[in-house]
N, C-alpha and C. Protein backbone atom coordinates (compact mmCIF):
# COMPACT_ATOMS: atom_id res chain seq x y z
N UNK A 1 7.34 0.96 5.17
CA UNK A 1 8.65 1.39 4.75
C UNK A 1 9.46 1.88 5.96
N UNK A 2 8.78 2.53 6.89
CA UNK A 2 9.48 3.00 8.09
C UNK A 2 10.00 1.83 8.93
N UNK A 3 9.17 0.82 9.09
CA UNK A 3 9.59 -0.35 9.85
C UNK A 3 10.74 -1.06 9.15
N UNK A 4 10.70 -1.08 7.83
CA UNK A 4 11.78 -1.70 7.07
C UNK A 4 13.09 -0.94 7.30
N UNK A 5 13.02 0.37 7.30
CA UNK A 5 14.21 1.18 7.55
C UNK A 5 14.77 0.94 8.95
N UNK A 6 13.87 0.75 9.92
CA UNK A 6 14.31 0.51 11.30
C UNK A 6 14.83 -0.90 11.48
N UNK A 7 14.56 -1.77 10.52
CA UNK A 7 14.95 -3.17 10.67
C UNK A 7 14.01 -3.95 11.55
N UNK A 8 12.80 -3.46 11.71
CA UNK A 8 11.79 -4.09 12.55
C UNK A 8 10.92 -5.01 11.69
N UNK A 9 11.37 -6.24 11.53
CA UNK A 9 10.70 -7.20 10.67
C UNK A 9 9.29 -7.55 11.11
N UNK A 10 9.08 -7.63 12.41
CA UNK A 10 7.75 -7.99 12.94
C UNK A 10 6.73 -6.90 12.59
N UNK A 11 7.08 -5.66 12.84
CA UNK A 11 6.18 -4.55 12.52
C UNK A 11 5.96 -4.43 11.02
N UNK A 12 7.03 -4.64 10.26
CA UNK A 12 6.92 -4.55 8.82
C UNK A 12 5.96 -5.61 8.29
N UNK A 13 6.08 -6.82 8.78
CA UNK A 13 5.22 -7.92 8.33
C UNK A 13 3.75 -7.62 8.66
N UNK A 14 3.50 -7.13 9.86
CA UNK A 14 2.13 -6.80 10.24
C UNK A 14 1.56 -5.68 9.40
N UNK A 15 2.34 -4.64 9.16
CA UNK A 15 1.88 -3.52 8.34
C UNK A 15 1.63 -3.97 6.90
N UNK A 16 2.48 -4.84 6.42
CA UNK A 16 2.34 -5.36 5.06
C UNK A 16 1.02 -6.13 4.91
N UNK A 17 0.74 -7.02 5.85
CA UNK A 17 -0.51 -7.80 5.77
C UNK A 17 -1.75 -6.90 5.93
N UNK A 18 -1.67 -5.90 6.80
CA UNK A 18 -2.79 -4.97 6.94
C UNK A 18 -3.00 -4.19 5.65
N UNK A 19 -1.92 -3.76 5.02
CA UNK A 19 -2.02 -3.02 3.76
C UNK A 19 -2.65 -3.87 2.68
N UNK A 20 -2.24 -5.14 2.59
CA UNK A 20 -2.83 -6.03 1.59
C UNK A 20 -4.32 -6.23 1.85
N UNK A 21 -4.70 -6.39 3.11
CA UNK A 21 -6.12 -6.55 3.44
C UNK A 21 -6.92 -5.31 3.05
N UNK A 22 -6.39 -4.12 3.34
CA UNK A 22 -7.09 -2.89 2.99
C UNK A 22 -7.21 -2.71 1.48
N UNK A 23 -6.13 -3.01 0.77
CA UNK A 23 -6.17 -2.89 -0.68
C UNK A 23 -7.19 -3.86 -1.26
N UNK A 24 -7.16 -5.10 -0.80
CA UNK A 24 -8.10 -6.10 -1.31
C UNK A 24 -9.55 -5.71 -1.02
N UNK A 25 -9.82 -5.19 0.16
CA UNK A 25 -11.18 -4.77 0.50
C UNK A 25 -11.62 -3.60 -0.37
N UNK A 26 -10.71 -2.67 -0.62
CA UNK A 26 -11.03 -1.52 -1.46
C UNK A 26 -11.31 -1.96 -2.89
N UNK A 27 -10.46 -2.83 -3.41
CA UNK A 27 -10.65 -3.33 -4.78
C UNK A 27 -12.00 -4.04 -4.90
N UNK A 28 -12.35 -4.82 -3.91
CA UNK A 28 -13.62 -5.55 -3.94
C UNK A 28 -14.83 -4.62 -3.93
N UNK A 29 -14.68 -3.44 -3.34
CA UNK A 29 -15.82 -2.52 -3.24
C UNK A 29 -15.93 -1.59 -4.44
N UNK A 30 -14.89 -1.48 -5.25
CA UNK A 30 -14.93 -0.58 -6.41
C UNK A 30 -15.49 -1.30 -7.62
N UNK A 31 -16.35 -0.61 -8.36
CA UNK A 31 -16.91 -1.20 -9.57
C UNK A 31 -16.16 -0.74 -10.83
N UNK A 32 -15.40 0.32 -10.72
CA UNK A 32 -14.69 0.87 -11.86
C UNK A 32 -13.41 0.06 -12.16
N UNK A 33 -13.37 -0.55 -13.33
CA UNK A 33 -12.22 -1.38 -13.70
C UNK A 33 -10.90 -0.61 -13.73
N UNK A 34 -10.85 0.61 -14.27
CA UNK A 34 -9.57 1.34 -14.28
C UNK A 34 -9.05 1.64 -12.87
N UNK A 35 -9.95 1.96 -11.97
CA UNK A 35 -9.53 2.23 -10.59
C UNK A 35 -8.99 0.97 -9.93
N UNK A 36 -9.68 -0.15 -10.15
CA UNK A 36 -9.20 -1.42 -9.59
C UNK A 36 -7.84 -1.79 -10.16
N UNK A 37 -7.67 -1.59 -11.45
CA UNK A 37 -6.41 -1.93 -12.11
C UNK A 37 -5.26 -1.13 -11.51
N UNK A 38 -5.47 0.17 -11.30
CA UNK A 38 -4.42 1.00 -10.73
C UNK A 38 -4.07 0.56 -9.32
N UNK A 39 -5.06 0.28 -8.52
CA UNK A 39 -4.80 -0.13 -7.14
C UNK A 39 -4.13 -1.51 -7.08
N UNK A 40 -4.50 -2.40 -7.97
CA UNK A 40 -3.84 -3.71 -8.01
C UNK A 40 -2.39 -3.58 -8.45
N UNK A 41 -2.12 -2.62 -9.31
CA UNK A 41 -0.72 -2.37 -9.71
C UNK A 41 0.06 -1.83 -8.51
N UNK A 42 -0.54 -0.96 -7.73
CA UNK A 42 0.12 -0.44 -6.53
C UNK A 42 0.35 -1.57 -5.53
N UNK A 43 -0.59 -2.50 -5.43
CA UNK A 43 -0.44 -3.67 -4.55
C UNK A 43 0.77 -4.49 -4.98
N UNK A 44 0.90 -4.66 -6.29
CA UNK A 44 2.04 -5.40 -6.83
C UNK A 44 3.37 -4.71 -6.49
N UNK A 45 3.42 -3.40 -6.66
CA UNK A 45 4.64 -2.66 -6.34
C UNK A 45 4.97 -2.73 -4.85
N UNK A 46 3.96 -2.67 -4.01
CA UNK A 46 4.16 -2.82 -2.57
C UNK A 46 4.76 -4.19 -2.26
N UNK A 47 4.22 -5.21 -2.86
CA UNK A 47 4.72 -6.57 -2.63
C UNK A 47 6.16 -6.72 -3.09
N UNK A 48 6.49 -6.13 -4.22
CA UNK A 48 7.87 -6.19 -4.72
C UNK A 48 8.81 -5.50 -3.75
N UNK A 49 8.40 -4.32 -3.24
CA UNK A 49 9.25 -3.58 -2.31
C UNK A 49 9.48 -4.37 -1.02
N UNK A 50 8.44 -4.99 -0.51
CA UNK A 50 8.56 -5.75 0.74
C UNK A 50 9.41 -7.00 0.53
N UNK A 51 9.15 -7.72 -0.54
CA UNK A 51 9.89 -8.95 -0.80
C UNK A 51 11.38 -8.70 -1.05
N UNK A 52 11.69 -7.58 -1.70
CA UNK A 52 13.09 -7.27 -2.00
C UNK A 52 13.76 -6.46 -0.90
N UNK A 53 12.97 -6.11 0.14
CA UNK A 53 13.49 -5.30 1.24
C UNK A 53 14.07 -3.97 0.74
N UNK A 54 13.37 -3.36 -0.22
CA UNK A 54 13.79 -2.10 -0.82
C UNK A 54 12.86 -0.99 -0.36
N UNK A 55 13.41 0.05 0.23
CA UNK A 55 12.61 1.20 0.66
C UNK A 55 12.34 2.05 -0.57
N UNK A 56 11.08 2.19 -0.91
CA UNK A 56 10.66 2.93 -2.10
C UNK A 56 9.89 4.17 -1.66
N UNK A 57 10.55 5.30 -1.62
CA UNK A 57 9.89 6.54 -1.19
C UNK A 57 8.83 6.99 -2.19
N UNK A 58 8.97 6.61 -3.45
CA UNK A 58 7.94 6.92 -4.44
C UNK A 58 6.63 6.23 -4.10
N UNK A 59 6.74 5.03 -3.58
CA UNK A 59 5.55 4.29 -3.17
C UNK A 59 4.90 4.96 -1.96
N UNK A 60 5.70 5.46 -1.06
CA UNK A 60 5.17 6.22 0.08
C UNK A 60 4.37 7.42 -0.40
N UNK A 61 4.94 8.15 -1.35
CA UNK A 61 4.27 9.34 -1.88
C UNK A 61 2.97 8.96 -2.59
N UNK A 62 2.98 7.85 -3.28
CA UNK A 62 1.79 7.38 -3.99
C UNK A 62 0.66 7.09 -3.01
N UNK A 63 0.95 6.32 -1.97
CA UNK A 63 -0.10 5.98 -1.01
C UNK A 63 -0.50 7.18 -0.15
N UNK A 64 0.38 8.15 0.01
CA UNK A 64 0.03 9.35 0.76
C UNK A 64 -1.12 10.09 0.08
N UNK A 65 -1.17 10.04 -1.24
CA UNK A 65 -2.26 10.70 -1.97
C UNK A 65 -3.61 10.08 -1.61
N UNK A 66 -3.65 8.76 -1.42
CA UNK A 66 -4.87 8.10 -0.98
C UNK A 66 -5.24 8.54 0.44
N UNK A 67 -4.24 8.66 1.29
CA UNK A 67 -4.51 9.07 2.67
C UNK A 67 -5.06 10.51 2.71
N UNK A 68 -4.50 11.37 1.89
CA UNK A 68 -4.97 12.77 1.85
C UNK A 68 -6.40 12.82 1.32
N UNK A 69 -6.68 12.06 0.28
CA UNK A 69 -8.04 12.05 -0.30
C UNK A 69 -9.04 11.52 0.71
N UNK A 70 -8.67 10.48 1.45
CA UNK A 70 -9.58 9.93 2.46
C UNK A 70 -9.83 10.94 3.57
N UNK A 71 -8.79 11.65 3.96
CA UNK A 71 -8.94 12.65 5.04
C UNK A 71 -9.84 13.79 4.58
N UNK A 72 -9.70 14.21 3.33
CA UNK A 72 -10.51 15.31 2.81
C UNK A 72 -11.97 14.90 2.65
N UNK A 73 -12.22 13.63 2.43
CA UNK A 73 -13.59 13.15 2.23
C UNK A 73 -14.39 13.08 3.53
N UNK A 74 -13.73 13.21 4.65
CA UNK A 74 -14.43 13.14 5.94
C UNK A 74 -15.28 14.34 6.20
């Protein structure tokens, strides 16, 4: 979202592909169907935001919760 705001298409594209790879790897490792469903929905929303070039701060806040949880698990 930050790269999109800056108008940096190259960085945005790279970040987008990395995010999709991470989401896909996480989904593949989870056995819980409800957790996979939620993350796949977030993947869909991310794709919509990138394709429409819309900065969605709600999506930033959503993924920040995953980052905080991962940091706390260390």
